[in-house]
Structures are given as structure tokens and as C-alpha cells.
Amino acid sequence: YLYPIKASRKDKRNLFVDMLRRANQLRDEPAFYNTLTSSCTTNIVTHVDRIAKEPLPFSYKVLLPAFSDEMAYDLDLIETNLSFEDARKAFRIDEIARDEKDARPFSVRIRER
């Protein structure tokens, strides 16, 4: 899924830069995956909390990544007027990514709708 997020250009940039800093830190100091404290979703929450006015609430949806997009939707973090089910259909990109895997630039092609 490739969801458009509700955030200012500045906040999107700050989020990206924070993620890059973490990637560089991991290059120098590798860390172990931990379902509760250091997973793909818990790490995104950590980055979002650094730019958000208020920290994201704790939820089992953070620990179970299959529900993380539902949490983002419930918190109104996704830029859409669609229902959650329709948003999942609209922003699913696996087929597009498969079809465009050799396209250049790939990142532009998967964002076209």
C-alpha cells in the first residue's frame, strides 16, 4: 500500500530526514528486530512521534503490522475521503509495482493513478 499522508511538506521532509538518520545509525550500530520494541511499525511510530504535536496512542495495531494502516486511517493520518476498505483497494500497489518493476523512474510510476 502507498497511502498519501496528511502532513505539511516540512513535516514530510523532517520525517524522511529522521528516517535517514536512523538508517545511517543502523549502518554504524546494527540493532536487532524486536516485535515489541523495534519492528517496522514501532519504528515508524517513533519517527512520527518526533514530528507530531502529540504522540500516537498505544494500540495493538502497532504490534500487528497488518492493522497499522487501519490505525493510521482511524487517526485521520491518511489523506483520503474514502472508506477504509475503499482506501485499501485504491492505494494497493503490488500489481502496479510488479507491472512497473523495470519502469524508470519507478517511484514516479507507482504513484501515478
PDB file of N, CA and C in Angstrom:
ATOM      1  N   TYR A   1       0.842  -1.180   0.000  1.00  0.00           N
ATOM      2  CA  TYR A   1       0.000   0.000   0.000  1.00  0.00           C
ATOM      3  C   TYR A   1       0.883   1.237   0.000  1.00  0.00           C
ATOM      4  N   LEU A   2       0.428   2.230  -0.715  1.00  0.00           N
ATOM      5  CA  LEU A   2       1.125   3.510  -0.745  1.00  0.00           C
ATOM      6  C   LEU A   2       0.087   4.585  -0.448  1.00  0.00           C
ATOM      7  N   TYR A   3      -0.004   4.916   0.826  1.00  0.00           N
ATOM      8  CA  TYR A   3      -1.016   5.863   1.275  1.00  0.00           C
ATOM      9  C   TYR A   3      -0.472   7.282   1.273  1.00  0.00           C
ATOM     10  N   PRO A   4      -1.278   8.245   0.811  1.00  0.00           N
ATOM     11  CA  PRO A   4      -0.879   9.650   0.951  1.00  0.00           C
ATOM     12  C   PRO A   4      -1.116  10.071   2.401  1.00  0.00           C
ATOM     13  N   ILE A   5      -0.122  10.671   3.008  1.00  0.00           N
ATOM     14  CA  ILE A   5      -0.268  11.035   4.414  1.00  0.00           C
ATOM     15  C   ILE A   5      -0.645  12.508   4.545  1.00  0.00           C
ATOM     16  N   LYS A   6      -1.369  12.788   5.608  1.00  0.00           N
ATOM     17  CA  LYS A   6      -1.732  14.171   5.914  1.00  0.00           C
ATOM     18  C   LYS A   6      -0.582  14.766   6.708  1.00  0.00           C
ATOM     19  N   ALA A   7       0.186  15.579   6.065  1.00  0.00           N
ATOM     20  CA  ALA A   7       1.304  16.251   6.728  1.00  0.00           C
ATOM     21  C   ALA A   7       1.766  17.391   5.830  1.00  0.00           C
ATOM     22  N   SER A   8       2.308  18.396   6.444  1.00  0.00           N
ATOM     23  CA  SER A   8       2.855  19.506   5.668  1.00  0.00           C
ATOM     24  C   SER A   8       4.116  19.035   4.943  1.00  0.00           C
ATOM     25  N   ARG A   9       4.501  19.774   3.957  1.00  0.00           N
ATOM     26  CA  ARG A   9       5.733  19.446   3.224  1.00  0.00           C
ATOM     27  C   ARG A   9       6.926  19.413   4.191  1.00  0.00           C
ATOM     28  N   LYS A  10       6.946  20.370   5.118  1.00  0.00           N
ATOM     29  CA  LYS A  10       8.023  20.439   6.101  1.00  0.00           C
ATOM     30  C   LYS A  10       8.033  19.194   6.984  1.00  0.00           C
ATOM     31  N   ASP A  11       6.853  18.787   7.465  1.00  0.00           N
ATOM     32  CA  ASP A  11       6.782  17.597   8.318  1.00  0.00           C
ATOM     33  C   ASP A  11       7.175  16.334   7.553  1.00  0.00           C
ATOM     34  N   LYS A  12       6.767  16.237   6.299  1.00  0.00           N
ATOM     35  CA  LYS A  12       7.161  15.074   5.487  1.00  0.00           C
ATOM     36  C   LYS A  12       8.677  15.029   5.332  1.00  0.00           C
ATOM     37  N   ARG A  13       9.268  16.198   5.092  1.00  0.00           N
ATOM     38  CA  ARG A  13      10.727  16.259   4.959  1.00  0.00           C
ATOM     39  C   ARG A  13      11.407  15.879   6.274  1.00  0.00           C
ATOM     40  N   ASN A  14      10.916  16.435   7.379  1.00  0.00           N
ATOM     41  CA  ASN A  14      11.500  16.121   8.683  1.00  0.00           C
ATOM     42  C   ASN A  14      11.393  14.631   9.015  1.00  0.00           C
ATOM     43  N   LEU A  15      10.267  14.037   8.668  1.00  0.00           N
ATOM     44  CA  LEU A  15      10.077  12.608   8.883  1.00  0.00           C
ATOM     45  C   LEU A  15      11.095  11.806   8.064  1.00  0.00           C
ATOM     46  N   PHE A  16      11.238  12.177   6.808  1.00  0.00           N
ATOM     47  CA  PHE A  16      12.187  11.493   5.925  1.00  0.00           C
ATOM     48  C   PHE A  16      13.620  11.635   6.432  1.00  0.00           C
ATOM     49  N   VAL A  17      13.997  12.842   6.814  1.00  0.00           N
ATOM     50  CA  VAL A  17      15.353  13.076   7.319  1.00  0.00           C
ATOM     51  C   VAL A  17      15.594  12.279   8.598  1.00  0.00           C
ATOM     52  N   ASP A  18      14.591  12.220   9.461  1.00  0.00           N
ATOM     53  CA  ASP A  18      14.732  11.439  10.696  1.00  0.00           C
ATOM     54  C   ASP A  18      14.934   9.963  10.375  1.00  0.00           C
ATOM     55  N   MET A  19      14.220   9.461   9.381  1.00  0.00           N
ATOM     56  CA  MET A  19      14.386   8.059   8.973  1.00  0.00           C
ATOM     57  C   MET A  19      15.772   7.818   8.373  1.00  0.00           C
ATOM     58  N   LEU A  20      16.267   8.782   7.620  1.00  0.00           N
ATOM     59  CA  LEU A  20      17.621   8.656   7.062  1.00  0.00           C
ATOM     60  C   LEU A  20      18.682   8.647   8.166  1.00  0.00           C
ATOM     61  N   ARG A  21      18.482   9.485   9.163  1.00  0.00           N
ATOM     62  CA  ARG A  21      19.417   9.483  10.303  1.00  0.00           C
ATOM     63  C   ARG A  21      19.442   8.111  10.971  1.00  0.00           C
ATOM     64  N   ARG A  22      18.266   7.542  11.157  1.00  0.00           N
ATOM     65  CA  ARG A  22      18.183   6.208  11.782  1.00  0.00           C
ATOM     66  C   ARG A  22      18.853   5.160  10.893  1.00  0.00           C
ATOM     67  N   ALA A  23      18.661   5.248   9.595  1.00  0.00           N
ATOM     68  CA  ALA A  23      19.304   4.297   8.675  1.00  0.00           C
ATOM     69  C   ALA A  23      20.823   4.406   8.776  1.00  0.00           C
ATOM     70  N   ASN A  24      21.332   5.612   8.846  1.00  0.00           N
ATOM     71  CA  ASN A  24      22.777   5.799   8.996  1.00  0.00           C
ATOM     72  C   ASN A  24      23.264   5.274  10.339  1.00  0.00           C
ATOM     73  N   GLN A  25      22.474   5.482  11.375  1.00  0.00           N
ATOM     74  CA  GLN A  25      22.835   4.965  12.698  1.00  0.00           C
ATOM     75  C   GLN A  25      22.884   3.436  12.672  1.00  0.00           C
ATOM     76  N   LEU A  26      21.926   2.821  12.006  1.00  0.00           N
ATOM     77  CA  LEU A  26      21.907   1.356  11.914  1.00  0.00           C
ATOM     78  C   LEU A  26      23.091   0.822  11.128  1.00  0.00           C
ATOM     79  N   ARG A  27      23.541   1.593  10.165  1.00  0.00           N
ATOM     80  CA  ARG A  27      24.738   1.195   9.407  1.00  0.00           C
ATOM     81  C   ARG A  27      25.930   1.089  10.343  1.00  0.00           C
ATOM     82  N   ASP A  28      26.033   2.051  11.247  1.00  0.00           N
ATOM     83  CA  ASP A  28      27.168   2.094  12.167  1.00  0.00           C
ATOM     84  C   ASP A  28      26.966   1.241  13.418  1.00  0.00           C
ATOM     85  N   GLU A  29      25.724   1.131  13.858  1.00  0.00           N
ATOM     86  CA  GLU A  29      25.392   0.373  15.070  1.00  0.00           C
ATOM     87  C   GLU A  29      24.165  -0.489  14.791  1.00  0.00           C
ATOM     88  N   PRO A  30      24.353  -1.681  14.225  1.00  0.00           N
ATOM     89  CA  PRO A  30      23.200  -2.543  13.914  1.00  0.00           C
ATOM     90  C   PRO A  30      22.360  -2.826  15.150  1.00  0.00           C
ATOM     91  N   ALA A  31      21.068  -3.019  14.926  1.00  0.00           N
ATOM     92  CA  ALA A  31      20.137  -3.314  16.024  1.00  0.00           C
ATOM     93  C   ALA A  31      19.326  -4.547  15.650  1.00  0.00           C
ATOM     94  N   PHE A  32      18.903  -5.263  16.667  1.00  0.00           N
ATOM     95  CA  PHE A  32      18.112  -6.461  16.433  1.00  0.00           C
ATOM     96  C   PHE A  32      16.637  -6.117  16.319  1.00  0.00           C
ATOM     97  N   TYR A  33      15.941  -6.858  15.479  1.00  0.00           N
ATOM     98  CA  TYR A  33      14.489  -6.758  15.361  1.00  0.00           C
ATOM     99  C   TYR A  33      13.867  -7.262  16.653  1.00  0.00           C
ATOM    100  N   ASN A  34      12.841  -6.558  17.118  1.00  0.00           N
ATOM    101  CA  ASN A  34      12.103  -6.996  18.290  1.00  0.00           C
ATOM    102  C   ASN A  34      10.638  -6.643  18.058  1.00  0.00           C
ATOM    103  N   THR A  35       9.787  -7.629  18.102  1.00  0.00           N
ATOM    104  CA  THR A  35       8.371  -7.427  17.806  1.00  0.00           C
ATOM    105  C   THR A  35       7.741  -6.322  18.651  1.00  0.00           C
ATOM    106  N   LEU A  36       8.167  -6.202  19.887  1.00  0.00           N
ATOM    107  CA  LEU A  36       7.554  -5.221  20.783  1.00  0.00           C
ATOM    108  C   LEU A  36       8.215  -3.852  20.753  1.00  0.00           C
ATOM    109  N   THR A  37       9.510  -3.815  20.514  1.00  0.00           N
ATOM    110  CA  THR A  37      10.217  -2.547  20.664  1.00  0.00           C
ATOM    111  C   THR A  37      10.914  -2.030  19.410  1.00  0.00           C
ATOM    112  N   SER A  38      11.151  -2.888  18.437  1.00  0.00           N
ATOM    113  CA  SER A  38      11.896  -2.446  17.253  1.00  0.00           C
ATOM    114  C   SER A  38      11.477  -3.238  16.017  1.00  0.00           C
ATOM    115  N   SER A  39      10.283  -2.934  15.537  1.00  0.00           N
ATOM    116  CA  SER A  39       9.775  -3.566  14.321  1.00  0.00           C
ATOM    117  C   SER A  39       9.542  -2.482  13.275  1.00  0.00           C
ATOM    118  N   CYS A  40       9.134  -2.883  12.088  1.00  0.00           N
ATOM    119  CA  CYS A  40       8.879  -1.887  11.041  1.00  0.00           C
ATOM    120  C   CYS A  40       7.846  -0.862  11.518  1.00  0.00           C
ATOM    121  N   THR A  41       6.803  -1.315  12.171  1.00  0.00           N
ATOM    122  CA  THR A  41       5.745  -0.404  12.594  1.00  0.00           C
ATOM    123  C   THR A  41       6.122   0.394  13.830  1.00  0.00           C
ATOM    124  N   THR A  42       6.717  -0.239  14.823  1.00  0.00           N
ATOM    125  CA  THR A  42       7.088   0.518  16.029  1.00  0.00           C
ATOM    126  C   THR A  42       8.110   1.600  15.690  1.00  0.00           C
ATOM    127  N   ASN A  43       8.992   1.311  14.745  1.00  0.00           N
ATOM    128  CA  ASN A  43       9.982   2.318  14.352  1.00  0.00           C
ATOM    129  C   ASN A  43       9.336   3.483  13.618  1.00  0.00           C
ATOM    130  N   ILE A  44       8.345   3.217  12.782  1.00  0.00           N
ATOM    131  CA  ILE A  44       7.641   4.314  12.107  1.00  0.00           C
ATOM    132  C   ILE A  44       6.927   5.176  13.149  1.00  0.00           C
ATOM    133  N   VAL A  45       6.297   4.542  14.127  1.00  0.00           N
ATOM    134  CA  VAL A  45       5.620   5.300  15.186  1.00  0.00           C
ATOM    135  C   VAL A  45       6.623   6.205  15.904  1.00  0.00           C
ATOM    136  N   THR A  46       7.807   5.696  16.178  1.00  0.00           N
ATOM    137  CA  THR A  46       8.842   6.503  16.837  1.00  0.00           C
ATOM    138  C   THR A  46       9.167   7.736  16.002  1.00  0.00           C
ATOM    139  N   HIS A  47       9.319   7.553  14.687  1.00  0.00           N
ATOM    140  CA  HIS A  47       9.624   8.687  13.808  1.00  0.00           C
ATOM    141  C   HIS A  47       8.467   9.679  13.755  1.00  0.00           C
ATOM    142  N   VAL A  48       7.246   9.165  13.645  1.00  0.00           N
ATOM    143  CA  VAL A  48       6.076  10.050  13.598  1.00  0.00           C
ATOM    144  C   VAL A  48       5.952  10.827  14.904  1.00  0.00           C
ATOM    145  N   ASP A  49       6.189  10.165  16.021  1.00  0.00           N
ATOM    146  CA  ASP A  49       6.101  10.848  17.314  1.00  0.00           C
ATOM    147  C   ASP A  49       7.068  12.020  17.408  1.00  0.00           C
ATOM    148  N   ARG A  50       8.190  11.916  16.727  1.00  0.00           N
ATOM    149  CA  ARG A  50       9.182  13.011  16.790  1.00  0.00           C
ATOM    150  C   ARG A  50       8.713  14.262  16.070  1.00  0.00           C
ATOM    151  N   ILE A  51       7.811  14.124  15.101  1.00  0.00           N
ATOM    152  CA  ILE A  51       7.341  15.303  14.366  1.00  0.00           C
ATOM    153  C   ILE A  51       5.915  15.694  14.738  1.00  0.00           C
ATOM    154  N   ALA A  52       5.205  14.811  15.430  1.00  0.00           N
ATOM    155  CA  ALA A  52       3.796  15.063  15.756  1.00  0.00           C
ATOM    156  C   ALA A  52       3.655  16.000  16.944  1.00  0.00           C
ATOM    157  N   LYS A  53       2.534  16.694  16.970  1.00  0.00           N
ATOM    158  CA  LYS A  53       2.235  17.571  18.112  1.00  0.00           C
ATOM    159  C   LYS A  53       1.970  16.734  19.359  1.00  0.00           C
ATOM    160  N   GLU A  54       1.351  15.575  19.170  1.00  0.00           N
ATOM    161  CA  GLU A  54       1.080  14.653  20.269  1.00  0.00           C
ATOM    162  C   GLU A  54       1.525  13.260  19.854  1.00  0.00           C
ATOM    163  N   PRO A  55       2.042  12.474  20.788  1.00  0.00           N
ATOM    164  CA  PRO A  55       2.450  11.110  20.427  1.00  0.00           C
ATOM    165  C   PRO A  55       1.250  10.262  20.015  1.00  0.00           C
ATOM    166  N   LEU A  56       1.485   9.320  19.143  1.00  0.00           N
ATOM    167  CA  LEU A  56       0.424   8.405  18.740  1.00  0.00           C
ATOM    168  C   LEU A  56       0.028   7.542  19.936  1.00  0.00           C
ATOM    169  N   PRO A  57      -1.246   7.231  20.054  1.00  0.00           N
ATOM    170  CA  PRO A  57      -1.670   6.412  21.197  1.00  0.00           C
ATOM    171  C   PRO A  57      -1.186   4.974  21.041  1.00  0.00           C
ATOM    172  N   PHE A  58      -0.975   4.309  22.162  1.00  0.00           N
ATOM    173  CA  PHE A  58      -0.583   2.911  22.104  1.00  0.00           C
ATOM    174  C   PHE A  58      -1.768   2.094  21.605  1.00  0.00           C
ATOM    175  N   SER A  59      -1.473   1.110  20.774  1.00  0.00           N
ATOM    176  CA  SER A  59      -2.508   0.240  20.239  1.00  0.00           C
ATOM    177  C   SER A  59      -1.891  -1.092  19.842  1.00  0.00           C
ATOM    178  N   TYR A  60      -2.678  -2.141  19.953  1.00  0.00           N
ATOM    179  CA  TYR A  60      -2.222  -3.444  19.456  1.00  0.00           C
ATOM    180  C   TYR A  60      -1.946  -3.381  17.961  1.00  0.00           C
ATOM    181  N   LYS A  61      -2.535  -2.414  17.273  1.00  0.00           N
ATOM    182  CA  LYS A  61      -2.351  -2.276  15.824  1.00  0.00           C
ATOM    183  C   LYS A  61      -0.912  -1.904  15.470  1.00  0.00           C
ATOM    184  N   VAL A  62      -0.180  -1.359  16.428  1.00  0.00           N
ATOM    185  CA  VAL A  62       1.246  -1.085  16.212  1.00  0.00           C
ATOM    186  C   VAL A  62       2.037  -2.388  16.259  1.00  0.00           C
ATOM    187  N   LEU A  63       1.627  -3.292  17.119  1.00  0.00           N
ATOM    188  CA  LEU A  63       2.349  -4.557  17.275  1.00  0.00           C
ATOM    189  C   LEU A  63       1.994  -5.566  16.190  1.00  0.00           C
ATOM    190  N   LEU A  64       0.875  -5.379  15.532  1.00  0.00           N
ATOM    191  CA  LEU A  64       0.432  -6.273  14.460  1.00  0.00           C
ATOM    192  C   LEU A  64       0.372  -5.467  13.165  1.00  0.00           C
ATOM    193  N   PRO A  65       1.446  -5.460  12.392  1.00  0.00           N
ATOM    194  CA  PRO A  65       1.534  -4.588  11.225  1.00  0.00           C
ATOM    195  C   PRO A  65       0.385  -4.695  10.224  1.00  0.00           C
ATOM    196  N   ALA A  66      -0.306  -5.816  10.186  1.00  0.00           N
ATOM    197  CA  ALA A  66      -1.437  -5.944   9.260  1.00  0.00           C
ATOM    198  C   ALA A  66      -2.545  -4.939   9.579  1.00  0.00           C
ATOM    199  N   PHE A  67      -2.508  -4.379  10.786  1.00  0.00           N
ATOM    200  CA  PHE A  67      -3.529  -3.419  11.211  1.00  0.00           C
ATOM    201  C   PHE A  67      -3.011  -1.984  11.274  1.00  0.00           C
ATOM    202  N   SER A  68      -1.749  -1.774  10.959  1.00  0.00           N
ATOM    203  CA  SER A  68      -1.178  -0.439  11.132  1.00  0.00           C
ATOM    204  C   SER A  68      -1.817   0.595  10.213  1.00  0.00           C
ATOM    205  N   ASP A  69      -2.186   0.188   8.995  1.00  0.00           N
ATOM    206  CA  ASP A  69      -2.845   1.154   8.118  1.00  0.00           C
ATOM    207  C   ASP A  69      -4.237   1.504   8.638  1.00  0.00           C
ATOM    208  N   GLU A  70      -4.893   0.555   9.274  1.00  0.00           N
ATOM    209  CA  GLU A  70      -6.199   0.833   9.875  1.00  0.00           C
ATOM    210  C   GLU A  70      -6.054   1.843  11.011  1.00  0.00           C
ATOM    211  N   MET A  71      -4.988   1.713  11.771  1.00  0.00           N
ATOM    212  CA  MET A  71      -4.729   2.672  12.850  1.00  0.00           C
ATOM    213  C   MET A  71      -4.486   4.064  12.268  1.00  0.00           C
ATOM    214  N   ALA A  72      -3.668   4.139  11.230  1.00  0.00           N
ATOM    215  CA  ALA A  72      -3.398   5.430  10.589  1.00  0.00           C
ATOM    216  C   ALA A  72      -4.689   6.037  10.050  1.00  0.00           C
ATOM    217  N   TYR A  73      -5.530   5.209   9.476  1.00  0.00           N
ATOM    218  CA  TYR A  73      -6.823   5.684   8.965  1.00  0.00           C
ATOM    219  C   TYR A  73      -7.698   6.189  10.118  1.00  0.00           C
ATOM    220  N   ASP A  74      -7.789   5.397  11.179  1.00  0.00           N
ATOM    221  CA  ASP A  74      -8.603   5.785  12.342  1.00  0.00           C
ATOM    222  C   ASP A  74      -8.119   7.090  12.965  1.00  0.00           C
ATOM    223  N   LEU A  75      -6.816   7.342  12.913  1.00  0.00           N
ATOM    224  CA  LEU A  75      -6.247   8.568  13.476  1.00  0.00           C
ATOM    225  C   LEU A  75      -6.285   9.734  12.484  1.00  0.00           C
ATOM    226  N   ASP A  76      -6.882   9.498  11.320  1.00  0.00           N
ATOM    227  CA  ASP A  76      -7.020  10.525  10.273  1.00  0.00           C
ATOM    228  C   ASP A  76      -5.661  11.012   9.769  1.00  0.00           C
ATOM    229  N   LEU A  77      -4.730  10.079   9.622  1.00  0.00           N
ATOM    230  CA  LEU A  77      -3.399  10.411   9.121  1.00  0.00           C
ATOM    231  C   LEU A  77      -3.261  10.182   7.618  1.00  0.00           C
ATOM    232  N   ILE A  78      -4.256   9.556   7.023  1.00  0.00           N
ATOM    233  CA  ILE A  78      -4.226   9.265   5.587  1.00  0.00           C
ATOM    234  C   ILE A  78      -5.094  10.290   4.865  1.00  0.00           C
ATOM    235  N   GLU A  79      -4.556  10.859   3.813  1.00  0.00           N
ATOM    236  CA  GLU A  79      -5.253  11.875   3.027  1.00  0.00           C
ATOM    237  C   GLU A  79      -6.222  11.185   2.066  1.00  0.00           C
ATOM    238  N   THR A  80      -7.470  11.032   2.527  1.00  0.00           N
ATOM    239  CA  THR A  80      -8.488  10.410   1.682  1.00  0.00           C
ATOM    240  C   THR A  80      -9.870  10.694   2.233  1.00  0.00           C
ATOM    241  N   ASN A  81     -10.845  10.668   1.340  1.00  0.00           N
ATOM    242  CA  ASN A  81     -12.248  10.761   1.739  1.00  0.00           C
ATOM    243  C   ASN A  81     -12.928   9.403   1.598  1.00  0.00           C
ATOM    244  N   LEU A  82     -12.172   8.394   1.228  1.00  0.00           N
ATOM    245  CA  LEU A  82     -12.706   7.054   1.015  1.00  0.00           C
ATOM    246  C   LEU A  82     -12.919   6.332   2.336  1.00  0.00           C
ATOM    247  N   SER A  83     -13.790   5.327   2.312  1.00  0.00           N
ATOM    248  CA  SER A  83     -13.901   4.447   3.471  1.00  0.00           C
ATOM    249  C   SER A  83     -12.581   3.683   3.581  1.00  0.00           C
ATOM    250  N   PHE A  84     -12.339   3.085   4.741  1.00  0.00           N
ATOM    251  CA  PHE A  84     -11.095   2.342   4.918  1.00  0.00           C
ATOM    252  C   PHE A  84     -10.961   1.229   3.883  1.00  0.00           C
ATOM    253  N   GLU A  85     -12.028   0.472   3.683  1.00  0.00           N
ATOM    254  CA  GLU A  85     -11.992  -0.635   2.722  1.00  0.00           C
ATOM    255  C   GLU A  85     -11.688  -0.136   1.312  1.00  0.00           C
ATOM    256  N   ASP A  86     -12.319   0.969   0.908  1.00  0.00           N
ATOM    257  CA  ASP A  86     -12.075   1.525  -0.425  1.00  0.00           C
ATOM    258  C   ASP A  86     -10.670   2.113  -0.538  1.00  0.00           C
ATOM    259  N   ALA A  87     -10.187   2.699   0.551  1.00  0.00           N
ATOM    260  CA  ALA A  87      -8.821   3.245   0.543  1.00  0.00           C
ATOM    261  C   ALA A  87      -7.810   2.116   0.365  1.00  0.00           C
ATOM    262  N   ARG A  88      -8.024   1.009   1.050  1.00  0.00           N
ATOM    263  CA  ARG A  88      -7.119  -0.152   0.900  1.00  0.00           C
ATOM    264  C   ARG A  88      -7.081  -0.610  -0.557  1.00  0.00           C
ATOM    265  N   LYS A  89      -8.227  -0.629  -1.193  1.00  0.00           N
ATOM    266  CA  LYS A  89      -8.269  -1.032  -2.610  1.00  0.00           C
ATOM    267  C   LYS A  89      -7.571   0.008  -3.488  1.00  0.00           C
ATOM    268  N   ALA A  90      -7.846   1.270  -3.230  1.00  0.00           N
ATOM    269  CA  ALA A  90      -7.315   2.343  -4.074  1.00  0.00           C
ATOM    270  C   ALA A  90      -5.805   2.510  -3.952  1.00  0.00           C
ATOM    271  N   PHE A  91      -5.252   2.267  -2.762  1.00  0.00           N
ATOM    272  CA  PHE A  91      -3.837   2.529  -2.528  1.00  0.00           C
ATOM    273  C   PHE A  91      -2.967   1.280  -2.515  1.00  0.00           C
ATOM    274  N   ARG A  92      -3.542   0.166  -2.939  1.00  0.00           N
ATOM    275  CA  ARG A  92      -2.766  -1.073  -3.045  1.00  0.00           C
ATOM    276  C   ARG A  92      -1.911  -0.982  -4.307  1.00  0.00           C
ATOM    277  N   ILE A  93      -0.634  -1.284  -4.179  1.00  0.00           N
ATOM    278  CA  ILE A  93       0.266  -1.087  -5.322  1.00  0.00           C
ATOM    279  C   ILE A  93       1.014  -2.343  -5.753  1.00  0.00           C
ATOM    280  N   ASP A  94       0.712  -3.504  -5.200  1.00  0.00           N
ATOM    281  CA  ASP A  94       1.512  -4.679  -5.548  1.00  0.00           C
ATOM    282  C   ASP A  94       1.447  -5.010  -7.038  1.00  0.00           C
ATOM    283  N   GLU A  95       0.259  -4.957  -7.658  1.00  0.00           N
ATOM    284  CA  GLU A  95       0.164  -5.250  -9.084  1.00  0.00           C
ATOM    285  C   GLU A  95       0.859  -4.173  -9.911  1.00  0.00           C
ATOM    286  N   ILE A  96       0.664  -2.934  -9.524  1.00  0.00           N
ATOM    287  CA  ILE A  96       1.314  -1.828 -10.238  1.00  0.00           C
ATOM    288  C   ILE A  96       2.827  -1.973 -10.132  1.00  0.00           C
ATOM    289  N   ALA A  97       3.314  -2.253  -8.938  1.00  0.00           N
ATOM    290  CA  ALA A  97       4.757  -2.398  -8.727  1.00  0.00           C
ATOM    291  C   ALA A  97       5.310  -3.550  -9.546  1.00  0.00           C
ATOM    292  N   ARG A  98       4.578  -4.642  -9.605  1.00  0.00           N
ATOM    293  CA  ARG A  98       5.022  -5.788 -10.412  1.00  0.00           C
ATOM    294  C   ARG A  98       5.091  -5.414 -11.894  1.00  0.00           C
ATOM    295  N   ASP A  99       4.055  -4.722 -12.364  1.00  0.00           N
ATOM    296  CA  ASP A  99       3.998  -4.330 -13.777  1.00  0.00           C
ATOM    297  C   ASP A  99       5.043  -3.278 -14.132  1.00  0.00           C
ATOM    298  N   GLU A 100       5.412  -2.457 -13.152  1.00  0.00           N
ATOM    299  CA  GLU A 100       6.313  -1.338 -13.408  1.00  0.00           C
ATOM    300  C   GLU A 100       7.722  -1.578 -12.885  1.00  0.00           C
ATOM    301  N   LYS A 101       8.044  -2.806 -12.516  1.00  0.00           N
ATOM    302  CA  LYS A 101       9.332  -3.072 -11.857  1.00  0.00           C
ATOM    303  C   LYS A 101      10.534  -2.621 -12.686  1.00  0.00           C
ATOM    304  N   ASP A 102      10.400  -2.577 -14.001  1.00  0.00           N
ATOM    305  CA  ASP A 102      11.504  -2.151 -14.851  1.00  0.00           C
ATOM    306  C   ASP A 102      11.334  -0.715 -15.357  1.00  0.00           C
ATOM    307  N   ALA A 103      10.252  -0.070 -14.946  1.00  0.00           N
ATOM    308  CA  ALA A 103       9.981   1.291 -15.406  1.00  0.00           C
ATOM    309  C   ALA A 103      10.929   2.271 -14.742  1.00  0.00           C
ATOM    310  N   ARG A 104      11.211   3.322 -15.460  1.00  0.00           N
ATOM    311  CA  ARG A 104      12.027   4.396 -14.901  1.00  0.00           C
ATOM    312  C   ARG A 104      11.278   5.694 -15.046  1.00  0.00           C
ATOM    313  N   PRO A 105      11.225   6.499 -14.074  1.00  0.00           N
ATOM    314  CA  PRO A 105      11.584   6.233 -12.689  1.00  0.00           C
ATOM    315  C   PRO A 105      10.462   5.471 -11.983  1.00  0.00           C
ATOM    316  N   PHE A 106      10.820   4.398 -11.334  1.00  0.00           N
ATOM    317  CA  PHE A 106       9.883   3.504 -10.666  1.00  0.00           C
ATOM    318  C   PHE A 106       9.040   4.245  -9.645  1.00  0.00           C
ATOM    319  N   SER A 107       9.670   5.081  -8.835  1.00  0.00           N
ATOM    320  CA  SER A 107       8.946   5.768  -7.754  1.00  0.00           C
ATOM    321  C   SER A 107       7.839   6.676  -8.307  1.00  0.00           C
ATOM    322  N   VAL A 108       8.039   7.249  -9.475  1.00  0.00           N
ATOM    323  CA  VAL A 108       7.008   8.077 -10.098  1.00  0.00           C
ATOM    324  C   VAL A 108       5.895   7.198 -10.636  1.00  0.00           C
ATOM    325  N   ARG A 109       6.252   6.117 -11.272  1.00  0.00           N
ATOM    326  CA  ARG A 109       5.268   5.233 -11.900  1.00  0.00           C
ATOM    327  C   ARG A 109       4.308   4.616 -10.875  1.00  0.00           C
ATOM    328  N   ILE A 110       4.802   4.234  -9.691  1.00  0.00           N
ATOM    329  CA  ILE A 110       3.904   3.602  -8.716  1.00  0.00           C
ATOM    330  C   ILE A 110       2.986   4.634  -8.059  1.00  0.00           C
ATOM    331  N   ARG A 111       3.270   5.911  -8.219  1.00  0.00           N
ATOM    332  CA  ARG A 111       2.433   6.952  -7.631  1.00  0.00           C
ATOM    333  C   ARG A 111       1.390   7.475  -8.608  1.00  0.00           C
ATOM    334  N   GLU A 112       1.498   7.113  -9.865  1.00  0.00           N
ATOM    335  CA  GLU A 112       0.528   7.550 -10.868  1.00  0.00           C
ATOM    336  C   GLU A 112      -0.741   6.718 -10.747  1.00  0.00           C
ATOM    337  N   ARG A 113      -1.864   7.376 -10.800  1.00  0.00           N
ATOM    338  CA  ARG A 113      -3.167   6.665 -10.745  1.00  0.00           C
ATOM    339  C   ARG A 113      -4.078   7.261 -11.783  1.00  0.00           C
TER     340      ARG A 113
END
